[in-house]
């Protein structure tokens, strides 16, 4: 059997369980007053990365927001921009967005499904000039992590990973998520 089809079926099944369990479960917290606004359920977070060295720069900015439907289920969006440069050799700009679904079957465990679409623009320098390569990359990640208050540490796996066409070197990626 094709491993890709198996992973897609597994991801679809997990998503079905997440949605059906959330739809049929009772609210675990006491009922809130009807004065709750949309913004009372929104949490913001994201990531920032900076690495600099001898003729090397790597900057990443990735803000995100989720809407918490109830205590176990949330969904949201994220933006991403990365700039990587190795002087006289390589430059890369990556810009994109993702949709994410989060499910906490228990308070300490978080399961996630994330669809990411990014545009990649790479320039390689060689003796004969610059070689440019631009393409779109799609990732579908299934993840799991351990939660402690508003921080989740875990790993995700890209079920659409193709070593020849992907911007990442591996389908398996660790993550840290923080939402306030």
C-alpha atoms as a PDB file:
ATOM      1  CA  UNK A   1       0.000   0.000   0.000  1.00  0.00           C
ATOM      2  CA  UNK A   2       1.207   3.530  -0.776  1.00  0.00           C
ATOM      3  CA  UNK A   3       2.625   5.125   2.455  1.00  0.00           C
ATOM      4  CA  UNK A   4       1.463   8.598   1.337  1.00  0.00           C
ATOM      5  CA  UNK A   5      -2.154   7.443   1.001  1.00  0.00           C
ATOM      6  CA  UNK A   6      -1.905   5.733   4.405  1.00  0.00           C
ATOM      7  CA  UNK A   7      -0.665   8.941   6.054  1.00  0.00           C
ATOM      8  CA  UNK A   8      -3.361  11.047   4.368  1.00  0.00           C
ATOM      9  CA  UNK A   9      -6.034   8.589   5.552  1.00  0.00           C
ATOM     10  CA  UNK A  10      -4.577   8.658   9.081  1.00  0.00           C
ATOM     11  CA  UNK A  11      -4.561  12.469   9.055  1.00  0.00           C
ATOM     12  CA  UNK A  12      -8.145  12.582   7.802  1.00  0.00           C
ATOM     13  CA  UNK A  13      -9.217  10.124  10.494  1.00  0.00           C
ATOM     14  CA  UNK A  14      -7.498  12.180  13.239  1.00  0.00           C
ATOM     15  CA  UNK A  15      -9.154  15.351  11.939  1.00  0.00           C
ATOM     16  CA  UNK A  16     -12.549  13.582  11.912  1.00  0.00           C
ATOM     17  CA  UNK A  17     -12.033  12.419  15.509  1.00  0.00           C
ATOM     18  CA  UNK A  18     -11.030  15.933  16.543  1.00  0.00           C
ATOM     19  CA  UNK A  19     -14.087  17.562  14.997  1.00  0.00           C
ATOM     20  CA  UNK A  20     -16.580  14.879  16.056  1.00  0.00           C
ATOM     21  CA  UNK A  21     -15.270  14.670  19.631  1.00  0.00           C
ATOM     22  CA  UNK A  22     -15.394  18.442  19.952  1.00  0.00           C
ATOM     23  CA  UNK A  23     -18.900  18.601  18.507  1.00  0.00           C
ATOM     24  CA  UNK A  24     -20.320  15.985  20.863  1.00  0.00           C
ATOM     25  CA  UNK A  25     -18.381  16.761  24.043  1.00  0.00           C
ATOM     26  CA  UNK A  26     -19.746  18.972  26.774  1.00  0.00           C
ATOM     27  CA  UNK A  27     -18.047  22.212  27.714  1.00  0.00           C
ATOM     28  CA  UNK A  28     -15.598  21.436  30.523  1.00  0.00           C
ATOM     29  CA  UNK A  29     -15.565  24.944  31.952  1.00  0.00           C
ATOM     30  CA  UNK A  30     -18.496  26.622  33.596  1.00  0.00           C
ATOM     31  CA  UNK A  31     -20.727  28.434  31.108  1.00  0.00           C
ATOM     32  CA  UNK A  32     -19.528  31.939  30.293  1.00  0.00           C
ATOM     33  CA  UNK A  33     -21.747  34.955  30.260  1.00  0.00           C
ATOM     34  CA  UNK A  34     -23.286  35.826  26.900  1.00  0.00           C
ATOM     35  CA  UNK A  35     -21.222  39.025  26.905  1.00  0.00           C
ATOM     36  CA  UNK A  36     -18.145  37.191  25.569  1.00  0.00           C
ATOM     37  CA  UNK A  37     -16.950  38.889  22.431  1.00  0.00           C
ATOM     38  CA  UNK A  38     -15.053  37.398  19.515  1.00  0.00           C
ATOM     39  CA  UNK A  39     -11.788  38.868  20.853  1.00  0.00           C
ATOM     40  CA  UNK A  40     -12.212  37.122  24.231  1.00  0.00           C
ATOM     41  CA  UNK A  41     -11.501  33.843  22.392  1.00  0.00           C
ATOM     42  CA  UNK A  42      -8.517  35.037  20.316  1.00  0.00           C
ATOM     43  CA  UNK A  43      -4.932  34.279  21.332  1.00  0.00           C
ATOM     44  CA  UNK A  44      -1.823  35.702  19.667  1.00  0.00           C
ATOM     45  CA  UNK A  45       1.610  34.178  19.380  1.00  0.00           C
ATOM     46  CA  UNK A  46       4.285  33.396  16.895  1.00  0.00           C
ATOM     47  CA  UNK A  47       7.984  33.094  16.480  1.00  0.00           C
ATOM     48  CA  UNK A  48      11.072  35.126  15.770  1.00  0.00           C
ATOM     49  CA  UNK A  49      14.491  33.825  14.832  1.00  0.00           C
ATOM     50  CA  UNK A  50      17.816  35.554  14.303  1.00  0.00           C
ATOM     51  CA  UNK A  51      21.171  33.994  13.511  1.00  0.00           C
ATOM     52  CA  UNK A  52      24.169  36.026  12.386  1.00  0.00           C
ATOM     53  CA  UNK A  53      27.739  35.047  11.790  1.00  0.00           C
ATOM     54  CA  UNK A  54      30.718  35.627   9.553  1.00  0.00           C
ATOM     55  CA  UNK A  55      29.065  36.669   6.243  1.00  0.00           C
ATOM     56  CA  UNK A  56      25.874  34.825   7.283  1.00  0.00           C
ATOM     57  CA  UNK A  57      22.391  36.123   8.207  1.00  0.00           C
ATOM     58  CA  UNK A  58      19.169  34.237   8.951  1.00  0.00           C
ATOM     59  CA  UNK A  59      16.038  36.167  10.012  1.00  0.00           C
ATOM     60  CA  UNK A  60      12.580  34.640  10.526  1.00  0.00           C
ATOM     61  CA  UNK A  61       9.356  36.364  11.580  1.00  0.00           C
ATOM     62  CA  UNK A  62       6.173  34.291  12.037  1.00  0.00           C
ATOM     63  CA  UNK A  63       3.203  35.941  13.800  1.00  0.00           C
ATOM     64  CA  UNK A  64       0.074  33.854  14.404  1.00  0.00           C
ATOM     65  CA  UNK A  65      -3.395  33.990  15.929  1.00  0.00           C
ATOM     66  CA  UNK A  66      -5.863  31.301  16.981  1.00  0.00           C
ATOM     67  CA  UNK A  67      -9.522  31.345  17.928  1.00  0.00           C
ATOM     68  CA  UNK A  68     -10.304  29.103  20.914  1.00  0.00           C
ATOM     69  CA  UNK A  69     -13.752  27.588  20.259  1.00  0.00           C
ATOM     70  CA  UNK A  70     -13.717  25.821  23.630  1.00  0.00           C
ATOM     71  CA  UNK A  71     -11.099  24.358  25.966  1.00  0.00           C
ATOM     72  CA  UNK A  72     -10.074  21.448  23.715  1.00  0.00           C
ATOM     73  CA  UNK A  73     -10.377  22.964  20.222  1.00  0.00           C
ATOM     74  CA  UNK A  74      -8.825  25.988  18.464  1.00  0.00           C
ATOM     75  CA  UNK A  75      -8.063  27.013  14.876  1.00  0.00           C
ATOM     76  CA  UNK A  76      -6.067  29.850  13.407  1.00  0.00           C
ATOM     77  CA  UNK A  77      -3.733  31.371  10.866  1.00  0.00           C
ATOM     78  CA  UNK A  78      -0.057  32.182  10.697  1.00  0.00           C
ATOM     79  CA  UNK A  79       2.134  34.301   8.435  1.00  0.00           C
ATOM     80  CA  UNK A  80       5.789  33.595   7.772  1.00  0.00           C
ATOM     81  CA  UNK A  81       8.777  35.461   6.342  1.00  0.00           C
ATOM     82  CA  UNK A  82      12.361  34.179   6.285  1.00  0.00           C
ATOM     83  CA  UNK A  83      15.498  35.715   4.819  1.00  0.00           C
ATOM     84  CA  UNK A  84      18.692  33.670   4.643  1.00  0.00           C
ATOM     85  CA  UNK A  85      21.932  34.933   3.148  1.00  0.00           C
ATOM     86  CA  UNK A  86      25.428  33.481   2.852  1.00  0.00           C
ATOM     87  CA  UNK A  87      27.582  36.237   1.334  1.00  0.00           C
ATOM     88  CA  UNK A  88      28.784  35.512  -2.230  1.00  0.00           C
ATOM     89  CA  UNK A  89      27.016  32.135  -2.278  1.00  0.00           C
ATOM     90  CA  UNK A  90      23.293  31.919  -1.483  1.00  0.00           C
ATOM     91  CA  UNK A  91      20.227  34.078  -0.784  1.00  0.00           C
ATOM     92  CA  UNK A  92      16.749  32.798   0.053  1.00  0.00           C
ATOM     93  CA  UNK A  93      13.463  34.591   0.753  1.00  0.00           C
ATOM     94  CA  UNK A  94      10.458  32.572   1.899  1.00  0.00           C
ATOM     95  CA  UNK A  95       7.028  34.119   2.423  1.00  0.00           C
ATOM     96  CA  UNK A  96       3.761  32.344   3.116  1.00  0.00           C
ATOM     97  CA  UNK A  97       0.866  31.477   5.364  1.00  0.00           C
ATOM     98  CA  UNK A  98      -0.647  28.509   7.129  1.00  0.00           C
ATOM     99  CA  UNK A  99      -3.923  27.323   8.611  1.00  0.00           C
ATOM    100  CA  UNK A 100      -3.781  25.346  11.849  1.00  0.00           C
ATOM    101  CA  UNK A 101      -6.205  23.234  13.861  1.00  0.00           C
ATOM    102  CA  UNK A 102      -5.387  22.383  17.479  1.00  0.00           C
ATOM    103  CA  UNK A 103      -7.008  19.761  19.681  1.00  0.00           C
ATOM    104  CA  UNK A 104      -6.236  19.039  23.338  1.00  0.00           C
ATOM    105  CA  UNK A 105      -7.745  15.634  24.285  1.00  0.00           C
ATOM    106  CA  UNK A 106      -6.370  16.340  27.778  1.00  0.00           C
ATOM    107  CA  UNK A 107      -4.879  19.570  29.093  1.00  0.00           C
ATOM    108  CA  UNK A 108      -1.235  18.417  28.753  1.00  0.00           C
ATOM    109  CA  UNK A 109      -1.428  16.955  25.210  1.00  0.00           C
ATOM    110  CA  UNK A 110      -1.957  18.917  22.005  1.00  0.00           C
ATOM    111  CA  UNK A 111      -2.594  17.378  18.564  1.00  0.00           C
ATOM    112  CA  UNK A 112      -2.346  19.560  15.474  1.00  0.00           C
ATOM    113  CA  UNK A 113      -3.052  19.628  11.762  1.00  0.00           C
ATOM    114  CA  UNK A 114      -1.388  22.419   9.778  1.00  0.00           C
ATOM    115  CA  UNK A 115      -1.554  23.318   6.096  1.00  0.00           C
ATOM    116  CA  UNK A 116       1.319  25.563   4.982  1.00  0.00           C
ATOM    117  CA  UNK A 117       1.789  27.279   1.607  1.00  0.00           C
ATOM    118  CA  UNK A 118       5.004  29.246   0.999  1.00  0.00           C
ATOM    119  CA  UNK A 119       6.652  30.948  -1.959  1.00  0.00           C
ATOM    120  CA  UNK A 120      10.397  30.324  -2.145  1.00  0.00           C
ATOM    121  CA  UNK A 121      12.862  32.544  -4.034  1.00  0.00           C
ATOM    122  CA  UNK A 122      16.455  31.275  -4.040  1.00  0.00           C
ATOM    123  CA  UNK A 123      19.519  32.774  -5.713  1.00  0.00           C
ATOM    124  CA  UNK A 124      22.755  30.786  -5.977  1.00  0.00           C
ATOM    125  CA  UNK A 125      25.999  32.524  -6.933  1.00  0.00           C
ATOM    126  CA  UNK A 126      28.622  30.675  -8.951  1.00  0.00           C
ATOM    127  CA  UNK A 127      31.527  31.497 -11.264  1.00  0.00           C
ATOM    128  CA  UNK A 128      29.164  32.132 -14.197  1.00  0.00           C
ATOM    129  CA  UNK A 129      26.630  34.421 -12.506  1.00  0.00           C
ATOM    130  CA  UNK A 130      23.490  33.954 -10.470  1.00  0.00           C
ATOM    131  CA  UNK A 131      21.114  31.037 -10.773  1.00  0.00           C
ATOM    132  CA  UNK A 132      17.578  31.854  -9.622  1.00  0.00           C
ATOM    133  CA  UNK A 133      14.920  29.376  -8.585  1.00  0.00           C
ATOM    134  CA  UNK A 134      11.381  30.315  -7.514  1.00  0.00           C
ATOM    135  CA  UNK A 135       8.630  27.877  -6.586  1.00  0.00           C
ATOM    136  CA  UNK A 136       5.643  27.247  -4.319  1.00  0.00           C
ATOM    137  CA  UNK A 137       5.875  24.634  -1.584  1.00  0.00           C
ATOM    138  CA  UNK A 138       2.925  23.013   0.221  1.00  0.00           C
ATOM    139  CA  UNK A 139       3.203  21.179   3.525  1.00  0.00           C
ATOM    140  CA  UNK A 140       0.562  19.229   5.446  1.00  0.00           C
ATOM    141  CA  UNK A 141       1.785  18.621   8.990  1.00  0.00           C
ATOM    142  CA  UNK A 142       0.430  16.264  11.632  1.00  0.00           C
ATOM    143  CA  UNK A 143       1.830  17.076  15.050  1.00  0.00           C
ATOM    144  CA  UNK A 144       1.732  16.293  18.745  1.00  0.00           C
ATOM    145  CA  UNK A 145       3.139  18.097  21.729  1.00  0.00           C
ATOM    146  CA  UNK A 146       3.254  18.512  25.480  1.00  0.00           C
ATOM    147  CA  UNK A 147       1.509  21.622  26.905  1.00  0.00           C
ATOM    148  CA  UNK A 148       2.450  23.589  29.987  1.00  0.00           C
ATOM    149  CA  UNK A 149       0.155  26.617  30.361  1.00  0.00           C
ATOM    150  CA  UNK A 150       0.485  28.623  27.109  1.00  0.00           C
ATOM    151  CA  UNK A 151       3.606  26.824  25.758  1.00  0.00           C
ATOM    152  CA  UNK A 152       3.596  23.612  23.690  1.00  0.00           C
ATOM    153  CA  UNK A 153       6.756  21.669  22.816  1.00  0.00           C
ATOM    154  CA  UNK A 154       6.488  18.879  20.285  1.00  0.00           C
ATOM    155  CA  UNK A 155       7.123  17.638  16.773  1.00  0.00           C
ATOM    156  CA  UNK A 156       5.270  17.617  13.486  1.00  0.00           C
ATOM    157  CA  UNK A 157       5.549  15.471  10.369  1.00  0.00           C
ATOM    158  CA  UNK A 158       4.989  16.701   6.788  1.00  0.00           C
ATOM    159  CA  UNK A 159       2.928  13.999   5.040  1.00  0.00           C
ATOM    160  CA  UNK A 160       3.480  15.770   1.671  1.00  0.00           C
ATOM    161  CA  UNK A 161       7.278  15.836   2.028  1.00  0.00           C
ATOM    162  CA  UNK A 162       9.294  15.250  -1.158  1.00  0.00           C
ATOM    163  CA  UNK A 163      13.066  15.475  -0.680  1.00  0.00           C
ATOM    164  CA  UNK A 164      13.535  16.669  -4.294  1.00  0.00           C
ATOM    165  CA  UNK A 165      10.928  19.442  -4.152  1.00  0.00           C
ATOM    166  CA  UNK A 166      10.844  20.596  -0.521  1.00  0.00           C
ATOM    167  CA  UNK A 167      12.585  23.567   1.091  1.00  0.00           C
ATOM    168  CA  UNK A 168      13.199  21.616   4.295  1.00  0.00           C
ATOM    169  CA  UNK A 169      15.744  18.814   4.607  1.00  0.00           C
ATOM    170  CA  UNK A 170      13.480  16.453   6.563  1.00  0.00           C
ATOM    171  CA  UNK A 171       9.758  15.703   6.955  1.00  0.00           C
ATOM    172  CA  UNK A 172      10.099  15.567  10.753  1.00  0.00           C
ATOM    173  CA  UNK A 173      10.345  18.957  12.528  1.00  0.00           C
ATOM    174  CA  UNK A 174      10.388  19.910  16.209  1.00  0.00           C
ATOM    175  CA  UNK A 175       8.368  22.986  17.276  1.00  0.00           C
ATOM    176  CA  UNK A 176       7.658  25.324  20.168  1.00  0.00           C
ATOM    177  CA  UNK A 177       4.279  27.133  20.169  1.00  0.00           C
ATOM    178  CA  UNK A 178       3.444  30.035  22.475  1.00  0.00           C
ATOM    179  CA  UNK A 179       0.019  31.740  22.603  1.00  0.00           C
ATOM    180  CA  UNK A 180      -1.057  34.536  24.933  1.00  0.00           C
END
